[in-house]
Amino acid sequence: MTIKKAKLSYSDYAKGIRMLTSEEQLRLLGLISANLRKKLKPRKAKHSIMELEGLGSEIWKGIDAQEYVRKERESWD
C-alpha cells in the first residue's frame, strides 16, 4: 500500500499557521529563518583585495613620496 502525499498550497499553509499558538508560530518562524540562512549563506569571494597589490606602481617610479606629499600639502593653502 502506497501513501500519496498531498501538495499543500500557499493558502493552505497560511490557514494552518493561523491555527497554531503564538509559541508554535515563533518556533516555525525560527525554523524558516534558519533554513533561509543556510540557503542564503554569503558566497566565498572569488578574488582577494590583495590581488591589487602593486597595481599602478609604475606610475610612482622615480617619485619621492615625502616630496610629493609636501607639495600636495602646500597646494591646499
PDB file of N, CA and C in Angstrom:
ATOM      1  N   MET A   1       0.839  -1.176   0.000  1.00  0.00           N
ATOM      2  CA  MET A   1       0.000   0.000   0.000  1.00  0.00           C
ATOM      3  C   MET A   1       0.886   1.242   0.000  1.00  0.00           C
ATOM      4  N   THR A   2       0.663   2.129  -0.935  1.00  0.00           N
ATOM      5  CA  THR A   2       1.442   3.364  -1.004  1.00  0.00           C
ATOM      6  C   THR A   2       0.609   4.524  -0.481  1.00  0.00           C
ATOM      7  N   ILE A   3       1.303   5.437   0.177  1.00  0.00           N
ATOM      8  CA  ILE A   3       0.637   6.620   0.713  1.00  0.00           C
ATOM      9  C   ILE A   3       0.950   7.781  -0.215  1.00  0.00           C
ATOM     10  N   LYS A   4      -0.075   8.414  -0.713  1.00  0.00           N
ATOM     11  CA  LYS A   4       0.097   9.548  -1.610  1.00  0.00           C
ATOM     12  C   LYS A   4       0.155  10.828  -0.780  1.00  0.00           C
ATOM     13  N   LYS A   5       1.217  11.604  -1.001  1.00  0.00           N
ATOM     14  CA  LYS A   5       1.363  12.864  -0.283  1.00  0.00           C
ATOM     15  C   LYS A   5       0.664  13.970  -1.060  1.00  0.00           C
ATOM     16  N   ALA A   6      -0.161  14.705  -0.365  1.00  0.00           N
ATOM     17  CA  ALA A   6      -0.863  15.828  -0.995  1.00  0.00           C
ATOM     18  C   ALA A   6       0.036  17.055  -0.958  1.00  0.00           C
ATOM     19  N   LYS A   7       0.053  17.782  -2.066  1.00  0.00           N
ATOM     20  CA  LYS A   7       0.843  19.003  -2.117  1.00  0.00           C
ATOM     21  C   LYS A   7      -0.009  20.146  -1.583  1.00  0.00           C
ATOM     22  N   LEU A   8       0.517  20.823  -0.570  1.00  0.00           N
ATOM     23  CA  LEU A   8      -0.213  21.934   0.032  1.00  0.00           C
ATOM     24  C   LEU A   8       0.111  23.224  -0.713  1.00  0.00           C
ATOM     25  N   SER A   9      -0.888  24.066  -0.822  1.00  0.00           N
ATOM     26  CA  SER A   9      -0.696  25.361  -1.482  1.00  0.00           C
ATOM     27  C   SER A   9      -0.280  26.402  -0.442  1.00  0.00           C
ATOM     28  N   TYR A  10       0.109  27.559  -0.932  1.00  0.00           N
ATOM     29  CA  TYR A  10       0.473  28.668  -0.041  1.00  0.00           C
ATOM     30  C   TYR A  10      -0.683  29.011   0.899  1.00  0.00           C
ATOM     31  N   SER A  11      -1.887  29.083   0.353  1.00  0.00           N
ATOM     32  CA  SER A  11      -3.041  29.438   1.197  1.00  0.00           C
ATOM     33  C   SER A  11      -3.317  28.360   2.247  1.00  0.00           C
ATOM     34  N   ASP A  12      -3.031  27.094   1.907  1.00  0.00           N
ATOM     35  CA  ASP A  12      -3.177  26.017   2.898  1.00  0.00           C
ATOM     36  C   ASP A  12      -2.230  26.261   4.076  1.00  0.00           C
ATOM     37  N   TYR A  13      -0.978  26.598   3.755  1.00  0.00           N
ATOM     38  CA  TYR A  13       0.000  26.873   4.813  1.00  0.00           C
ATOM     39  C   TYR A  13      -0.424  28.085   5.633  1.00  0.00           C
ATOM     40  N   ALA A  14      -0.874  29.150   4.961  1.00  0.00           N
ATOM     41  CA  ALA A  14      -1.285  30.369   5.655  1.00  0.00           C
ATOM     42  C   ALA A  14      -2.433  30.090   6.622  1.00  0.00           C
ATOM     43  N   LYS A  15      -3.402  29.291   6.176  1.00  0.00           N
ATOM     44  CA  LYS A  15      -4.532  28.934   7.055  1.00  0.00           C
ATOM     45  C   LYS A  15      -4.044  28.104   8.237  1.00  0.00           C
ATOM     46  N   GLY A  16      -3.144  27.166   7.962  1.00  0.00           N
ATOM     47  CA  GLY A  16      -2.621  26.310   9.024  1.00  0.00           C
ATOM     48  C   GLY A  16      -1.838  27.090  10.062  1.00  0.00           C
ATOM     49  N   ILE A  17      -1.086  28.087   9.619  1.00  0.00           N
ATOM     50  CA  ILE A  17      -0.293  28.897  10.539  1.00  0.00           C
ATOM     51  C   ILE A  17      -1.195  29.654  11.503  1.00  0.00           C
ATOM     52  N   ARG A  18      -2.317  30.156  11.001  1.00  0.00           N
ATOM     53  CA  ARG A  18      -3.252  30.893  11.859  1.00  0.00           C
ATOM     54  C   ARG A  18      -3.820  30.012  12.975  1.00  0.00           C
ATOM     55  N   MET A  19      -3.843  28.702  12.741  1.00  0.00           N
ATOM     56  CA  MET A  19      -4.388  27.784  13.741  1.00  0.00           C
ATOM     57  C   MET A  19      -3.369  27.430  14.824  1.00  0.00           C
ATOM     58  N   LEU A  20      -2.103  27.793  14.617  1.00  0.00           N
ATOM     59  CA  LEU A  20      -1.059  27.497  15.600  1.00  0.00           C
ATOM     60  C   LEU A  20      -1.097  28.498  16.747  1.00  0.00           C
ATOM     61  N   THR A  21      -0.587  28.072  17.900  1.00  0.00           N
ATOM     62  CA  THR A  21      -0.458  29.011  19.020  1.00  0.00           C
ATOM     63  C   THR A  21       0.688  29.980  18.707  1.00  0.00           C
ATOM     64  N   SER A  22       0.758  31.042  19.466  1.00  0.00           N
ATOM     65  CA  SER A  22       1.830  32.027  19.274  1.00  0.00           C
ATOM     66  C   SER A  22       3.205  31.382  19.428  1.00  0.00           C
ATOM     67  N   GLU A  23       3.335  30.512  20.414  1.00  0.00           N
ATOM     68  CA  GLU A  23       4.609  29.830  20.647  1.00  0.00           C
ATOM     69  C   GLU A  23       4.977  28.936  19.454  1.00  0.00           C
ATOM     70  N   GLU A  24       3.993  28.236  18.917  1.00  0.00           N
ATOM     71  CA  GLU A  24       4.238  27.374  17.759  1.00  0.00           C
ATOM     72  C   GLU A  24       4.612  28.201  16.523  1.00  0.00           C
ATOM     73  N   GLN A  25       3.964  29.350  16.371  1.00  0.00           N
ATOM     74  CA  GLN A  25       4.285  30.228  15.248  1.00  0.00           C
ATOM     75  C   GLN A  25       5.721  30.732  15.357  1.00  0.00           C
ATOM     76  N   LEU A  26       6.146  31.084  16.575  1.00  0.00           N
ATOM     77  CA  LEU A  26       7.522  31.538  16.777  1.00  0.00           C
ATOM     78  C   LEU A  26       8.527  30.432  16.478  1.00  0.00           C
ATOM     79  N   ARG A  27       8.212  29.205  16.902  1.00  0.00           N
ATOM     80  CA  ARG A  27       9.095  28.072  16.603  1.00  0.00           C
ATOM     81  C   ARG A  27       9.190  27.852  15.105  1.00  0.00           C
ATOM     82  N   LEU A  28       8.065  27.966  14.422  1.00  0.00           N
ATOM     83  CA  LEU A  28       8.030  27.802  12.967  1.00  0.00           C
ATOM     84  C   LEU A  28       8.839  28.906  12.289  1.00  0.00           C
ATOM     85  N   LEU A  29       8.692  30.117  12.772  1.00  0.00           N
ATOM     86  CA  LEU A  29       9.443  31.246  12.238  1.00  0.00           C
ATOM     87  C   LEU A  29      10.953  31.019  12.397  1.00  0.00           C
ATOM     88  N   GLY A  30      11.356  30.501  13.547  1.00  0.00           N
ATOM     89  CA  GLY A  30      12.769  30.178  13.780  1.00  0.00           C
ATOM     90  C   GLY A  30      13.263  29.118  12.813  1.00  0.00           C
ATOM     91  N   LEU A  31      12.447  28.122  12.576  1.00  0.00           N
ATOM     92  CA  LEU A  31      12.800  27.042  11.644  1.00  0.00           C
ATOM     93  C   LEU A  31      12.957  27.587  10.220  1.00  0.00           C
ATOM     94  N   ILE A  32      12.012  28.434   9.814  1.00  0.00           N
ATOM     95  CA  ILE A  32      12.068  29.017   8.467  1.00  0.00           C
ATOM     96  C   ILE A  32      13.292  29.913   8.316  1.00  0.00           C
ATOM     97  N   SER A  33      13.556  30.762   9.322  1.00  0.00           N
ATOM     98  CA  SER A  33      14.698  31.678   9.210  1.00  0.00           C
ATOM     99  C   SER A  33      16.017  30.920   9.211  1.00  0.00           C
ATOM    100  N   ALA A  34      16.131  29.850   9.992  1.00  0.00           N
ATOM    101  CA  ALA A  34      17.355  29.046   9.993  1.00  0.00           C
ATOM    102  C   ALA A  34      17.566  28.392   8.630  1.00  0.00           C
ATOM    103  N   ASN A  35      16.484  27.911   8.030  1.00  0.00           N
ATOM    104  CA  ASN A  35      16.556  27.290   6.708  1.00  0.00           C
ATOM    105  C   ASN A  35      16.995  28.310   5.658  1.00  0.00           C
ATOM    106  N   LEU A  36      16.435  29.524   5.727  1.00  0.00           N
ATOM    107  CA  LEU A  36      16.800  30.575   4.781  1.00  0.00           C
ATOM    108  C   LEU A  36      18.252  31.002   4.956  1.00  0.00           C
ATOM    109  N   ARG A  37      18.699  31.083   6.216  1.00  0.00           N
ATOM    110  CA  ARG A  37      20.089  31.470   6.482  1.00  0.00           C
ATOM    111  C   ARG A  37      21.058  30.510   5.810  1.00  0.00           C
ATOM    112  N   LYS A  38      20.747  29.227   5.860  1.00  0.00           N
ATOM    113  CA  LYS A  38      21.609  28.222   5.218  1.00  0.00           C
ATOM    114  C   LYS A  38      21.627  28.409   3.706  1.00  0.00           C
ATOM    115  N   LYS A  39      20.456  28.665   3.133  1.00  0.00           N
ATOM    116  CA  LYS A  39      20.350  28.808   1.683  1.00  0.00           C
ATOM    117  C   LYS A  39      20.992  30.093   1.183  1.00  0.00           C
ATOM    118  N   LEU A  40      20.912  31.166   1.974  1.00  0.00           N
ATOM    119  CA  LEU A  40      21.396  32.475   1.554  1.00  0.00           C
ATOM    120  C   LEU A  40      22.792  32.789   2.092  1.00  0.00           C
ATOM    121  N   LYS A  41      23.507  31.742   2.493  1.00  0.00           N
ATOM    122  CA  LYS A  41      24.849  31.915   3.029  1.00  0.00           C
ATOM    123  C   LYS A  41      25.700  32.715   2.042  1.00  0.00           C
ATOM    124  N   PRO A  42      26.447  33.717   2.537  1.00  0.00           N
ATOM    125  CA  PRO A  42      27.269  34.501   1.606  1.00  0.00           C
ATOM    126  C   PRO A  42      28.286  33.622   0.885  1.00  0.00           C
ATOM    127  N   ARG A  43      28.423  33.885  -0.389  1.00  0.00           N
ATOM    128  CA  ARG A  43      29.376  33.110  -1.173  1.00  0.00           C
ATOM    129  C   ARG A  43      30.791  33.574  -0.892  1.00  0.00           C
ATOM    130  N   LYS A  44      31.704  32.658  -1.018  1.00  0.00           N
ATOM    131  CA  LYS A  44      33.102  32.993  -0.817  1.00  0.00           C
ATOM    132  C   LYS A  44      33.564  33.873  -1.978  1.00  0.00           C
ATOM    133  N   ALA A  45      34.325  34.911  -1.646  1.00  0.00           N
ATOM    134  CA  ALA A  45      34.804  35.838  -2.673  1.00  0.00           C
ATOM    135  C   ALA A  45      35.683  35.103  -3.680  1.00  0.00           C
ATOM    136  N   LYS A  46      35.495  35.453  -4.955  1.00  0.00           N
ATOM    137  CA  LYS A  46      36.289  34.822  -5.997  1.00  0.00           C
ATOM    138  C   LYS A  46      37.675  35.437  -6.081  1.00  0.00           C
ATOM    139  N   HIS A  47      37.805  36.662  -5.571  1.00  0.00           N
ATOM    140  CA  HIS A  47      39.085  37.352  -5.634  1.00  0.00           C
ATOM    141  C   HIS A  47      39.411  37.949  -4.276  1.00  0.00           C
ATOM    142  N   SER A  48      40.664  38.215  -4.075  1.00  0.00           N
ATOM    143  CA  SER A  48      41.131  38.840  -2.850  1.00  0.00           C
ATOM    144  C   SER A  48      41.571  40.266  -3.154  1.00  0.00           C
ATOM    145  N   ILE A  49      41.383  41.153  -2.207  1.00  0.00           N
ATOM    146  CA  ILE A  49      41.839  42.536  -2.362  1.00  0.00           C
ATOM    147  C   ILE A  49      43.351  42.572  -2.553  1.00  0.00           C
ATOM    148  N   MET A  50      44.019  41.555  -2.058  1.00  0.00           N
ATOM    149  CA  MET A  50      45.479  41.509  -2.164  1.00  0.00           C
ATOM    150  C   MET A  50      45.948  41.338  -3.615  1.00  0.00           C
ATOM    151  N   GLU A  51      45.058  40.948  -4.497  1.00  0.00           N
ATOM    152  CA  GLU A  51      45.415  40.835  -5.907  1.00  0.00           C
ATOM    153  C   GLU A  51      45.731  42.195  -6.516  1.00  0.00           C
ATOM    154  N   LEU A  52      45.284  43.264  -5.858  1.00  0.00           N
ATOM    155  CA  LEU A  52      45.530  44.612  -6.364  1.00  0.00           C
ATOM    156  C   LEU A  52      46.874  45.175  -5.914  1.00  0.00           C
ATOM    157  N   GLU A  53      47.556  44.455  -5.035  1.00  0.00           N
ATOM    158  CA  GLU A  53      48.844  44.922  -4.516  1.00  0.00           C
ATOM    159  C   GLU A  53      49.820  45.191  -5.661  1.00  0.00           C
ATOM    160  N   GLY A  54      50.402  46.385  -5.643  1.00  0.00           N
ATOM    161  CA  GLY A  54      51.409  46.748  -6.642  1.00  0.00           C
ATOM    162  C   GLY A  54      50.829  47.277  -7.946  1.00  0.00           C
ATOM    163  N   LEU A  55      49.515  47.248  -8.091  1.00  0.00           N
ATOM    164  CA  LEU A  55      48.884  47.722  -9.308  1.00  0.00           C
ATOM    165  C   LEU A  55      49.123  49.218  -9.475  1.00  0.00           C
ATOM    166  N   GLY A  56      49.655  49.630 -10.601  1.00  0.00           N
ATOM    167  CA  GLY A  56      49.933  51.041 -10.860  1.00  0.00           C
ATOM    168  C   GLY A  56      51.241  51.534 -10.278  1.00  0.00           C
ATOM    169  N   SER A  57      52.056  50.617  -9.774  1.00  0.00           N
ATOM    170  CA  SER A  57      53.312  51.034  -9.137  1.00  0.00           C
ATOM    171  C   SER A  57      54.248  51.743 -10.113  1.00  0.00           C
ATOM    172  N   GLU A  58      54.119  51.453 -11.414  1.00  0.00           N
ATOM    173  CA  GLU A  58      54.997  52.088 -12.405  1.00  0.00           C
ATOM    174  C   GLU A  58      54.773  53.599 -12.473  1.00  0.00           C
ATOM    175  N   ILE A  59      53.613  54.059 -12.081  1.00  0.00           N
ATOM    176  CA  ILE A  59      53.302  55.493 -12.092  1.00  0.00           C
ATOM    177  C   ILE A  59      54.189  56.244 -11.092  1.00  0.00           C
ATOM    178  N   TRP A  60      54.536  55.595  -9.996  1.00  0.00           N
ATOM    179  CA  TRP A  60      55.272  56.238  -8.908  1.00  0.00           C
ATOM    180  C   TRP A  60      56.785  56.043  -8.991  1.00  0.00           C
ATOM    181  N   LYS A  61      57.268  55.350  -9.991  1.00  0.00           N
ATOM    182  CA  LYS A  61      58.724  55.133 -10.115  1.00  0.00           C
ATOM    183  C   LYS A  61      59.422  56.473 -10.254  1.00  0.00           C
ATOM    184  N   GLY A  62      60.487  56.647  -9.471  1.00  0.00           N
ATOM    185  CA  GLY A  62      61.284  57.868  -9.536  1.00  0.00           C
ATOM    186  C   GLY A  62      60.686  59.047  -8.812  1.00  0.00           C
ATOM    187  N   ILE A  63      59.569  58.868  -8.103  1.00  0.00           N
ATOM    188  CA  ILE A  63      58.944  59.962  -7.361  1.00  0.00           C
ATOM    189  C   ILE A  63      59.173  59.745  -5.877  1.00  0.00           C
ATOM    190  N   ASP A  64      59.713  60.775  -5.222  1.00  0.00           N
ATOM    191  CA  ASP A  64      59.951  60.713  -3.778  1.00  0.00           C
ATOM    192  C   ASP A  64      58.620  60.954  -3.063  1.00  0.00           C
ATOM    193  N   ALA A  65      58.187  59.998  -2.267  1.00  0.00           N
ATOM    194  CA  ALA A  65      56.886  60.071  -1.612  1.00  0.00           C
ATOM    195  C   ALA A  65      56.782  61.265  -0.675  1.00  0.00           C
ATOM    196  N   GLN A  66      57.818  61.521   0.117  1.00  0.00           N
ATOM    197  CA  GLN A  66      57.790  62.642   1.058  1.00  0.00           C
ATOM    198  C   GLN A  66      57.683  63.974   0.320  1.00  0.00           C
ATOM    199  N   GLU A  67      58.433  64.112  -0.764  1.00  0.00           N
ATOM    200  CA  GLU A  67      58.403  65.336  -1.555  1.00  0.00           C
ATOM    201  C   GLU A  67      57.017  65.528  -2.176  1.00  0.00           C
ATOM    202  N   TYR A  68      56.444  64.457  -2.678  1.00  0.00           N
ATOM    203  CA  TYR A  68      55.110  64.512  -3.283  1.00  0.00           C
ATOM    204  C   TYR A  68      54.075  64.988  -2.259  1.00  0.00           C
ATOM    205  N   VAL A  69      54.112  64.411  -1.059  1.00  0.00           N
ATOM    206  CA  VAL A  69      53.164  64.773  -0.005  1.00  0.00           C
ATOM    207  C   VAL A  69      53.367  66.230   0.402  1.00  0.00           C
ATOM    208  N   ARG A  70      54.614  66.681   0.522  1.00  0.00           N
ATOM    209  CA  ARG A  70      54.903  68.070   0.892  1.00  0.00           C
ATOM    210  C   ARG A  70      54.287  69.033  -0.121  1.00  0.00           C
ATOM    211  N   LYS A  71      54.466  68.740  -1.414  1.00  0.00           N
ATOM    212  CA  LYS A  71      53.923  69.610  -2.468  1.00  0.00           C
ATOM    213  C   LYS A  71      52.395  69.619  -2.442  1.00  0.00           C
ATOM    214  N   GLU A  72      51.808  68.461  -2.203  1.00  0.00           N
ATOM    215  CA  GLU A  72      50.348  68.385  -2.124  1.00  0.00           C
ATOM    216  C   GLU A  72      49.816  69.234  -0.983  1.00  0.00           C
ATOM    217  N   ARG A  73      50.479  69.153   0.182  1.00  0.00           N
ATOM    218  CA  ARG A  73      50.026  69.915   1.341  1.00  0.00           C
ATOM    219  C   ARG A  73      50.180  71.419   1.108  1.00  0.00           C
ATOM    220  N   GLU A  74      51.223  71.804   0.407  1.00  0.00           N
ATOM    221  CA  GLU A  74      51.437  73.219   0.096  1.00  0.00           C
ATOM    222  C   GLU A  74      50.314  73.733  -0.818  1.00  0.00           C
ATOM    223  N   SER A  75      49.796  72.875  -1.684  1.00  0.00           N
ATOM    224  CA  SER A  75      48.760  73.296  -2.626  1.00  0.00           C
ATOM    225  C   SER A  75      47.399  73.522  -1.940  1.00  0.00           C
ATOM    226  N   TRP A  76      47.249  73.033  -0.729  1.00  0.00           N
ATOM    227  CA  TRP A  76      45.981  73.192  -0.018  1.00  0.00           C
ATOM    228  C   TRP A  76      45.768  74.629   0.461  1.00  0.00           C
ATOM    229  N   ASP A  77      46.840  75.347   0.675  1.00  0.00           N
ATOM    230  CA  ASP A  77      46.741  76.713   1.237  1.00  0.00           C
ATOM    231  C   ASP A  77      46.344  77.730   0.200  1.00  0.00           C
TER     232      ASP A  77
END
